[in-house]
Amino acid sequence: MCCSEDKLLQTEVISVLPLVQNVNAMADEMQKPVAFSMMLVSPEARGLDHGRTEVSLDSKKTTTENSFFAAMYISLQHRVHFAVITVG
């Protein structure tokens, strides 16, 4: 990974982390048993021979309450996608 790719990844992480923290705080305030986390996924983990490491999101739920979790996850994915496009 070259220096510019490192800086882009760092910028993406810095822009996405507050979104993840806000969504987790909202879920906590609403007493919804869900936790979102940010992951860095290498090109190899995505089945590629080359490319850059990307920011990805994961959610863990402890109940089967799907509608709330699906809406929060979709909303966060859109925000992350927008943040990455804006930064990149």
C-alpha atoms as a PDB file:
ATOM      1  CA  MET A   1       0.000   0.000   0.000  1.00  0.00           C
ATOM      2  CA  CYS A   2       1.437   3.352  -0.957  1.00  0.00           C
ATOM      3  CA  CYS A   3       1.436   6.503   1.121  1.00  0.00           C
ATOM      4  CA  SER A   4      -1.593   8.078  -0.595  1.00  0.00           C
ATOM      5  CA  GLU A   5      -3.636   4.893  -0.033  1.00  0.00           C
ATOM      6  CA  ASP A   6      -2.614   4.916   3.636  1.00  0.00           C
ATOM      7  CA  LYS A   7      -3.748   8.532   3.985  1.00  0.00           C
ATOM      8  CA  LEU A   8      -7.058   7.804   2.223  1.00  0.00           C
ATOM      9  CA  LEU A   9      -7.726   4.830   4.512  1.00  0.00           C
ATOM     10  CA  GLN A  10      -6.846   6.906   7.557  1.00  0.00           C
ATOM     11  CA  THR A  11      -9.214   9.666   6.410  1.00  0.00           C
ATOM     12  CA  GLU A  12     -12.011   7.149   5.856  1.00  0.00           C
ATOM     13  CA  VAL A  13     -11.522   5.624   9.301  1.00  0.00           C
ATOM     14  CA  ILE A  14     -11.536   9.066  10.913  1.00  0.00           C
ATOM     15  CA  SER A  15     -14.758  10.024   9.097  1.00  0.00           C
ATOM     16  CA  VAL A  16     -16.590   6.722   9.701  1.00  0.00           C
ATOM     17  CA  LEU A  17     -15.719   6.150  13.368  1.00  0.00           C
ATOM     18  CA  PRO A  18     -17.900   9.000  14.705  1.00  0.00           C
ATOM     19  CA  LEU A  19     -20.856   7.695  12.652  1.00  0.00           C
ATOM     20  CA  VAL A  20     -20.468   4.246  14.192  1.00  0.00           C
ATOM     21  CA  GLN A  21     -20.191   5.732  17.683  1.00  0.00           C
ATOM     22  CA  ASN A  22     -23.322   7.868  17.122  1.00  0.00           C
ATOM     23  CA  VAL A  23     -25.373   4.930  15.898  1.00  0.00           C
ATOM     24  CA  ASN A  24     -24.252   2.811  18.840  1.00  0.00           C
ATOM     25  CA  ALA A  25     -25.189   5.627  21.236  1.00  0.00           C
ATOM     26  CA  MET A  26     -28.623   5.948  19.598  1.00  0.00           C
ATOM     27  CA  ALA A  27     -29.220   2.202  19.871  1.00  0.00           C
ATOM     28  CA  ASP A  28     -28.169   2.312  23.522  1.00  0.00           C
ATOM     29  CA  GLU A  29     -30.485   5.240  24.307  1.00  0.00           C
ATOM     30  CA  MET A  30     -33.345   3.422  22.595  1.00  0.00           C
ATOM     31  CA  GLN A  31     -32.438   0.268  24.551  1.00  0.00           C
ATOM     32  CA  LYS A  32     -31.947  -1.734  21.372  1.00  0.00           C
ATOM     33  CA  PRO A  33     -29.585  -4.683  21.740  1.00  0.00           C
ATOM     34  CA  VAL A  34     -27.307  -4.027  18.794  1.00  0.00           C
ATOM     35  CA  ALA A  35     -23.694  -3.004  18.367  1.00  0.00           C
ATOM     36  CA  PHE A  36     -22.056  -1.763  15.194  1.00  0.00           C
ATOM     37  CA  SER A  37     -18.342  -1.945  14.557  1.00  0.00           C
ATOM     38  CA  MET A  38     -15.951  -0.865  11.867  1.00  0.00           C
ATOM     39  CA  MET A  39     -13.601  -3.334  10.200  1.00  0.00           C
ATOM     40  CA  LEU A  40     -10.739  -2.951   7.771  1.00  0.00           C
ATOM     41  CA  VAL A  41     -10.986  -5.520   4.981  1.00  0.00           C
ATOM     42  CA  SER A  42      -7.971  -6.355   2.856  1.00  0.00           C
ATOM     43  CA  PRO A  43      -8.275  -7.102  -0.858  1.00  0.00           C
ATOM     44  CA  GLU A  44      -7.261 -10.698  -0.139  1.00  0.00           C
ATOM     45  CA  ALA A  45     -10.134 -11.081   2.338  1.00  0.00           C
ATOM     46  CA  ARG A  46     -12.473  -9.885  -0.430  1.00  0.00           C
ATOM     47  CA  GLY A  47     -11.030 -12.505  -2.805  1.00  0.00           C
ATOM     48  CA  LEU A  48      -8.959 -10.052  -4.860  1.00  0.00           C
ATOM     49  CA  ASP A  49      -5.333 -10.306  -5.898  1.00  0.00           C
ATOM     50  CA  HIS A  50      -4.702  -6.588  -5.462  1.00  0.00           C
ATOM     51  CA  GLY A  51      -6.463  -3.431  -4.419  1.00  0.00           C
ATOM     52  CA  ARG A  52      -6.695  -1.308  -1.356  1.00  0.00           C
ATOM     53  CA  THR A  53      -7.947  -2.030   2.133  1.00  0.00           C
ATOM     54  CA  GLU A  54     -11.532  -0.857   2.603  1.00  0.00           C
ATOM     55  CA  VAL A  55     -13.640   0.197   5.560  1.00  0.00           C
ATOM     56  CA  SER A  56     -16.552  -2.141   6.218  1.00  0.00           C
ATOM     57  CA  LEU A  57     -19.269  -2.295   8.860  1.00  0.00           C
ATOM     58  CA  ASP A  58     -20.489  -5.134  11.000  1.00  0.00           C
ATOM     59  CA  SER A  59     -23.512  -5.363  13.258  1.00  0.00           C
ATOM     60  CA  LYS A  60     -24.202  -7.756  16.057  1.00  0.00           C
ATOM     61  CA  LYS A  61     -27.667  -8.205  17.475  1.00  0.00           C
ATOM     62  CA  THR A  62     -28.725 -10.203  20.460  1.00  0.00           C
ATOM     63  CA  THR A  63     -32.425 -10.569  19.609  1.00  0.00           C
ATOM     64  CA  THR A  64     -34.507 -11.312  16.540  1.00  0.00           C
ATOM     65  CA  GLU A  65     -35.933  -7.785  16.283  1.00  0.00           C
ATOM     66  CA  ASN A  66     -35.054  -7.347  12.600  1.00  0.00           C
ATOM     67  CA  SER A  67     -36.845  -4.197  11.428  1.00  0.00           C
ATOM     68  CA  PHE A  68     -34.988  -1.751  13.693  1.00  0.00           C
ATOM     69  CA  PHE A  69     -31.600  -3.335  13.047  1.00  0.00           C
ATOM     70  CA  ALA A  70     -32.094  -3.489   9.306  1.00  0.00           C
ATOM     71  CA  ALA A  71     -33.047   0.207   9.164  1.00  0.00           C
ATOM     72  CA  MET A  72     -30.092   1.281  11.339  1.00  0.00           C
ATOM     73  CA  TYR A  73     -27.622  -0.831   9.349  1.00  0.00           C
ATOM     74  CA  ILE A  74     -28.881   0.417   5.973  1.00  0.00           C
ATOM     75  CA  SER A  75     -28.802   4.013   7.210  1.00  0.00           C
ATOM     76  CA  LEU A  76     -25.241   3.628   8.492  1.00  0.00           C
ATOM     77  CA  GLN A  77     -24.091   1.920   5.277  1.00  0.00           C
ATOM     78  CA  HIS A  78     -25.455   4.847   3.225  1.00  0.00           C
ATOM     79  CA  ARG A  79     -23.723   7.368   5.475  1.00  0.00           C
ATOM     80  CA  VAL A  80     -20.425   5.490   5.262  1.00  0.00           C
ATOM     81  CA  HIS A  81     -20.721   5.214   1.470  1.00  0.00           C
ATOM     82  CA  PHE A  82     -21.411   8.964   1.264  1.00  0.00           C
ATOM     83  CA  ALA A  83     -18.531   9.759   3.632  1.00  0.00           C
ATOM     84  CA  VAL A  84     -16.125   7.638   1.589  1.00  0.00           C
ATOM     85  CA  ILE A  85     -17.263   9.243  -1.685  1.00  0.00           C
ATOM     86  CA  THR A  86     -16.976  12.718  -0.165  1.00  0.00           C
ATOM     87  CA  VAL A  87     -13.489  12.016   1.205  1.00  0.00           C
ATOM     88  CA  GLY A  88     -12.256  10.000  -1.775  1.00  0.00           C
END
